[in-house]
């Protein structure tokens, strides 16, 4: 029986991104669900503003953390690079087919980094959180006149005798009615996308967690603990060992 061997995989930058992202997503979901149900909870306009401000503040951390991850793709180790995280590249589809066949045959292939199916999941998660971040920033501008788009939104909807930088949420007397209705029409597809993408993101996260647990059980690759320790303990020779960089 092959000996167990510990392999360096997730560097500190990748692990920090992952856990900050987890905390932000949980907090944003909690605040978002309350905001979505503000009417049935009989929350006042002042309460809605506070909730949305908290939601937006966490959203800034979420967005900055996502930007950091894309930067870290150029600074981190071999397994942090997008080419090792996202699907594609020479031989990817062959590797995907081989991995799926081996997994269901009961002899799963082991990878130090993301396996081919995991790369598909990572791509979907990155897409969804990017959509959520971008639409959230637009909504922060239309609802609360917050950066980076709030300045232009305020200039768009301010009444002729009102300075745009003095606008506050839920103050219709300060808005030009025609411009405000036009802005709300512009806002609507972003709001709809933000809400439905939120539900899709929840479903994807549940599938992601289930897949990690199932893969950890089937392959014994310490996937979960590796996101804490930065190292995977594997039995046998990983498929991607020949291409790994030195630690």
Protein backbone atom coordinates (compact mmCIF):
# COMPACT_ATOMS: atom_id res chain seq x y z
CA UNK A 1 0.00 0.00 0.00
CA UNK A 2 1.49 3.39 -0.98
CA UNK A 3 2.62 5.66 1.82
CA UNK A 4 0.80 8.87 2.63
CA UNK A 5 2.61 11.99 1.50
CA UNK A 6 1.93 15.62 2.39
CA UNK A 7 1.93 18.11 -0.51
CA UNK A 8 1.93 21.92 -0.29
CA UNK A 9 -1.05 23.29 -2.21
CA UNK A 10 -3.05 26.31 -1.02
CA UNK A 11 -0.85 29.26 -0.12
CA UNK A 12 -1.78 31.83 2.53
CA UNK A 13 -3.25 34.30 0.02
CA UNK A 14 -5.61 31.67 -1.38
CA UNK A 15 -6.70 30.50 2.06
CA UNK A 16 -7.35 34.05 3.29
CA UNK A 17 -9.45 34.75 0.19
CA UNK A 18 -11.47 31.58 0.70
CA UNK A 19 -12.38 32.15 4.34
CA UNK A 20 -13.01 35.89 3.99
CA UNK A 21 -15.27 35.03 1.05
CA UNK A 22 -17.12 32.43 3.16
CA UNK A 23 -17.73 34.92 5.99
CA UNK A 24 -18.85 37.65 3.58
CA UNK A 25 -21.24 35.36 1.72
CA UNK A 26 -22.86 34.13 4.94
CA UNK A 27 -23.24 37.70 6.28
CA UNK A 28 -24.53 39.02 2.94
CA UNK A 29 -27.06 36.22 2.68
CA UNK A 30 -28.35 36.89 6.18
CA UNK A 31 -28.70 40.63 5.59
CA UNK A 32 -30.08 40.10 2.08
CA UNK A 33 -32.83 37.79 3.27
CA UNK A 34 -33.94 40.34 5.85
CA UNK A 35 -33.94 43.09 3.20
CA UNK A 36 -35.97 40.92 0.81
CA UNK A 37 -38.55 40.36 3.55
CA UNK A 38 -38.49 43.91 4.94
CA UNK A 39 -42.14 44.48 4.00
CA UNK A 40 -43.49 41.43 5.81
CA UNK A 41 -41.23 42.21 8.78
CA UNK A 42 -42.67 45.75 8.91
CA UNK A 43 -39.22 47.38 8.84
CA UNK A 44 -39.30 51.18 8.59
CA UNK A 45 -37.50 53.16 5.89
CA UNK A 46 -34.84 54.14 8.43
CA UNK A 47 -34.39 50.46 9.25
CA UNK A 48 -34.12 49.58 5.57
CA UNK A 49 -31.42 52.22 5.10
CA UNK A 50 -29.42 50.81 8.01
CA UNK A 51 -29.81 47.25 6.73
CA UNK A 52 -28.81 48.22 3.20
CA UNK A 53 -25.84 50.21 4.52
CA UNK A 54 -24.60 47.20 6.49
CA UNK A 55 -25.22 44.96 3.47
CA UNK A 56 -23.29 47.36 1.21
CA UNK A 57 -20.40 47.66 3.68
CA UNK A 58 -19.98 43.89 3.76
CA UNK A 59 -20.37 43.91 -0.02
CA UNK A 60 -17.36 46.22 -0.37
CA UNK A 61 -15.23 43.72 1.58
CA UNK A 62 -16.65 40.94 -0.63
CA UNK A 63 -15.80 42.84 -3.84
CA UNK A 64 -12.32 43.90 -2.69
CA UNK A 65 -11.57 40.33 -1.65
CA UNK A 66 -12.64 39.12 -5.10
CA UNK A 67 -10.39 41.68 -6.80
CA UNK A 68 -7.57 40.57 -4.50
CA UNK A 69 -8.07 36.96 -5.63
CA UNK A 70 -7.69 37.93 -9.27
CA UNK A 71 -4.50 39.84 -8.43
CA UNK A 72 -3.24 36.87 -6.38
CA UNK A 73 -3.67 34.70 -9.47
CA UNK A 74 -0.51 36.43 -10.76
CA UNK A 75 1.36 36.51 -7.44
CA UNK A 76 0.47 33.22 -5.77
CA UNK A 77 1.88 29.74 -6.23
CA UNK A 78 1.20 27.36 -9.10
CA UNK A 79 -2.15 26.28 -7.65
CA UNK A 80 -3.38 29.85 -7.12
CA UNK A 81 -3.10 30.74 -10.81
CA UNK A 82 -6.32 30.92 -12.78
CA UNK A 83 -4.92 28.47 -15.32
CA UNK A 84 -4.84 25.87 -12.51
CA UNK A 85 -8.26 26.85 -11.11
CA UNK A 86 -10.44 27.40 -14.17
CA UNK A 87 -11.22 24.78 -16.84
CA UNK A 88 -9.40 24.80 -20.15
CA UNK A 89 -5.89 24.43 -21.51
CA UNK A 90 -4.15 21.65 -23.37
CA UNK A 91 -5.47 18.23 -22.47
CA UNK A 92 -8.19 19.50 -20.15
CA UNK A 93 -11.11 17.60 -21.71
CA UNK A 94 -9.10 14.39 -21.84
CA UNK A 95 -8.23 14.86 -18.15
CA UNK A 96 -11.90 15.56 -17.35
CA UNK A 97 -13.08 12.37 -19.05
CA UNK A 98 -10.33 10.32 -17.42
CA UNK A 99 -11.15 11.72 -13.99
CA UNK A 100 -14.90 11.05 -14.29
CA UNK A 101 -14.35 7.48 -15.54
CA UNK A 102 -11.85 6.75 -12.78
CA UNK A 103 -14.08 8.30 -10.10
CA UNK A 104 -17.10 6.17 -10.94
CA UNK A 105 -14.98 3.05 -11.42
CA UNK A 106 -13.98 3.24 -7.76
CA UNK A 107 -10.36 4.16 -8.43
CA UNK A 108 -10.40 7.98 -8.36
CA UNK A 109 -7.42 9.92 -9.62
CA UNK A 110 -5.84 12.23 -7.09
CA UNK A 111 -4.81 15.82 -7.71
CA UNK A 112 -2.79 18.17 -5.55
CA UNK A 113 -4.67 21.16 -6.91
CA UNK A 114 -8.22 21.26 -8.27
CA UNK A 115 -9.29 18.15 -10.12
CA UNK A 116 -10.92 18.69 -13.56
CA UNK A 117 -14.49 18.60 -12.19
CA UNK A 118 -13.50 20.92 -9.34
CA UNK A 119 -12.25 23.42 -11.91
CA UNK A 120 -15.71 23.50 -13.49
CA UNK A 121 -17.23 24.19 -10.07
CA UNK A 122 -14.66 26.89 -9.34
CA UNK A 123 -15.44 28.62 -12.66
CA UNK A 124 -19.16 28.64 -11.87
CA UNK A 125 -18.58 30.03 -8.37
CA UNK A 126 -16.27 32.76 -9.64
CA UNK A 127 -18.84 33.72 -12.29
CA UNK A 128 -21.68 33.88 -9.77
CA UNK A 129 -19.82 35.88 -7.13
CA UNK A 130 -18.55 38.29 -9.80
CA UNK A 131 -22.12 38.86 -11.04
CA UNK A 132 -23.27 39.31 -7.45
CA UNK A 133 -20.52 41.83 -6.70
CA UNK A 134 -21.07 43.91 -9.86
CA UNK A 135 -24.86 44.05 -9.57
CA UNK A 136 -24.54 44.77 -5.84
CA UNK A 137 -22.31 47.77 -6.51
CA UNK A 138 -24.84 49.13 -9.00
CA UNK A 139 -27.67 48.68 -6.48
CA UNK A 140 -25.63 50.40 -3.75
CA UNK A 141 -25.43 53.39 -6.07
CA UNK A 142 -29.12 53.41 -7.00
CA UNK A 143 -30.45 52.75 -3.47
CA UNK A 144 -28.00 54.63 -1.24
CA UNK A 145 -25.97 56.77 -3.69
CA UNK A 146 -22.82 54.95 -2.57
CA UNK A 147 -19.59 54.58 -4.61
CA UNK A 148 -18.53 53.70 -7.20
CA UNK A 149 -21.71 54.62 -9.11
CA UNK A 150 -23.65 56.69 -6.58
CA UNK A 151 -22.21 60.04 -7.68
CA UNK A 152 -23.52 59.61 -11.24
CA UNK A 153 -26.85 58.25 -10.04
CA UNK A 154 -27.29 61.26 -7.74
CA UNK A 155 -26.53 63.66 -10.60
CA UNK A 156 -29.07 61.80 -12.72
CA UNK A 157 -32.00 61.96 -10.30
CA UNK A 158 -31.44 65.16 -8.29
CA UNK A 159 -34.16 67.80 -8.62
CA UNK A 160 -32.99 71.02 -10.34
CA UNK A 161 -32.71 72.95 -7.07
CA UNK A 162 -31.01 70.12 -5.11
CA UNK A 163 -27.25 69.55 -4.94
CA UNK A 164 -26.61 65.90 -5.97
CA UNK A 165 -24.15 65.30 -3.12
CA UNK A 166 -26.87 66.10 -0.57
CA UNK A 167 -29.28 63.40 -1.74
CA UNK A 168 -30.41 60.83 0.80
CA UNK A 169 -32.36 57.59 0.27
CA UNK A 170 -36.16 57.51 0.50
CA UNK A 171 -36.47 61.29 0.07
CA UNK A 172 -38.68 61.70 -3.04
CA UNK A 173 -38.97 65.46 -2.58
CA UNK A 174 -35.27 65.72 -3.47
CA UNK A 175 -35.63 63.82 -6.75
CA UNK A 176 -36.72 64.78 -10.21
CA UNK A 177 -39.67 62.43 -10.66
CA UNK A 178 -39.12 61.73 -14.37
CA UNK A 179 -35.39 61.13 -13.91
CA UNK A 180 -36.02 58.99 -10.85
CA UNK A 181 -38.48 56.74 -12.69
CA UNK A 182 -36.00 56.43 -15.55
CA UNK A 183 -33.29 55.45 -13.06
CA UNK A 184 -35.57 52.84 -11.49
CA UNK A 185 -36.17 51.32 -14.92
CA UNK A 186 -32.39 51.20 -15.44
CA UNK A 187 -31.98 49.62 -11.99
CA UNK A 188 -34.60 46.88 -12.41
CA UNK A 189 -32.59 44.32 -14.45
CA UNK A 190 -29.67 44.65 -12.03
CA UNK A 191 -32.00 44.10 -9.07
CA UNK A 192 -33.66 41.08 -10.68
CA UNK A 193 -30.28 39.59 -11.61
CA UNK A 194 -28.97 40.22 -8.09
CA UNK A 195 -31.90 38.39 -6.47
CA UNK A 196 -32.02 35.37 -8.78
CA UNK A 197 -28.24 35.07 -8.89
CA UNK A 198 -28.39 35.05 -5.08
CA UNK A 199 -30.61 31.96 -5.10
CA UNK A 200 -28.48 30.29 -7.75
CA UNK A 201 -25.38 31.05 -5.69
CA UNK A 202 -26.91 29.45 -2.60
CA UNK A 203 -27.73 26.29 -4.58
CA UNK A 204 -24.24 26.18 -6.08
CA UNK A 205 -22.59 26.60 -2.69
CA UNK A 206 -24.62 23.70 -1.30
CA UNK A 207 -23.54 21.54 -4.25
CA UNK A 208 -19.93 22.71 -3.80
CA UNK A 209 -19.87 21.71 -0.14
CA UNK A 210 -21.51 18.35 -0.92
CA UNK A 211 -19.03 17.67 -3.73
CA UNK A 212 -16.05 18.51 -1.51
CA UNK A 213 -17.28 16.19 1.24
CA UNK A 214 -18.02 13.36 -1.23
CA UNK A 215 -14.64 13.76 -2.95
CA UNK A 216 -12.85 13.86 0.39
CA UNK A 217 -14.54 10.60 1.39
CA UNK A 218 -13.92 8.86 -1.95
CA UNK A 219 -10.36 10.08 -2.52
CA UNK A 220 -9.13 10.62 1.03
CA UNK A 221 -7.30 13.74 -0.06
CA UNK A 222 -7.89 15.90 3.03
CA UNK A 223 -9.48 18.57 0.82
CA UNK A 224 -11.28 20.25 3.71
CA UNK A 225 -8.31 20.39 6.09
CA UNK A 226 -6.05 21.62 3.27
CA UNK A 227 -7.95 24.90 3.19
CA UNK A 228 -6.84 25.39 6.81
CA UNK A 229 -3.33 23.94 6.70
CA UNK A 230 -2.36 24.63 3.09
CA UNK A 231 -1.32 20.99 2.59
CA UNK A 232 -3.00 17.90 1.15
CA UNK A 233 -2.14 14.43 2.35
CA UNK A 234 -2.46 11.99 -0.54
CA UNK A 235 -1.87 8.28 -1.05
CA UNK A 236 0.06 7.48 -4.19
CA UNK A 237 1.26 9.78 -6.96
CA UNK A 238 -1.03 12.71 -7.86
CA UNK A 239 -1.83 13.29 -11.51
CA UNK A 240 -0.50 16.88 -11.41
CA UNK A 241 2.63 16.21 -9.35
CA UNK A 242 5.00 16.44 -12.33
CA UNK A 243 3.83 20.02 -13.02
CA UNK A 244 3.91 21.36 -9.48
CA UNK A 245 6.37 24.01 -8.45
CA UNK A 246 8.77 23.63 -5.55
CA UNK A 247 7.60 24.88 -2.17
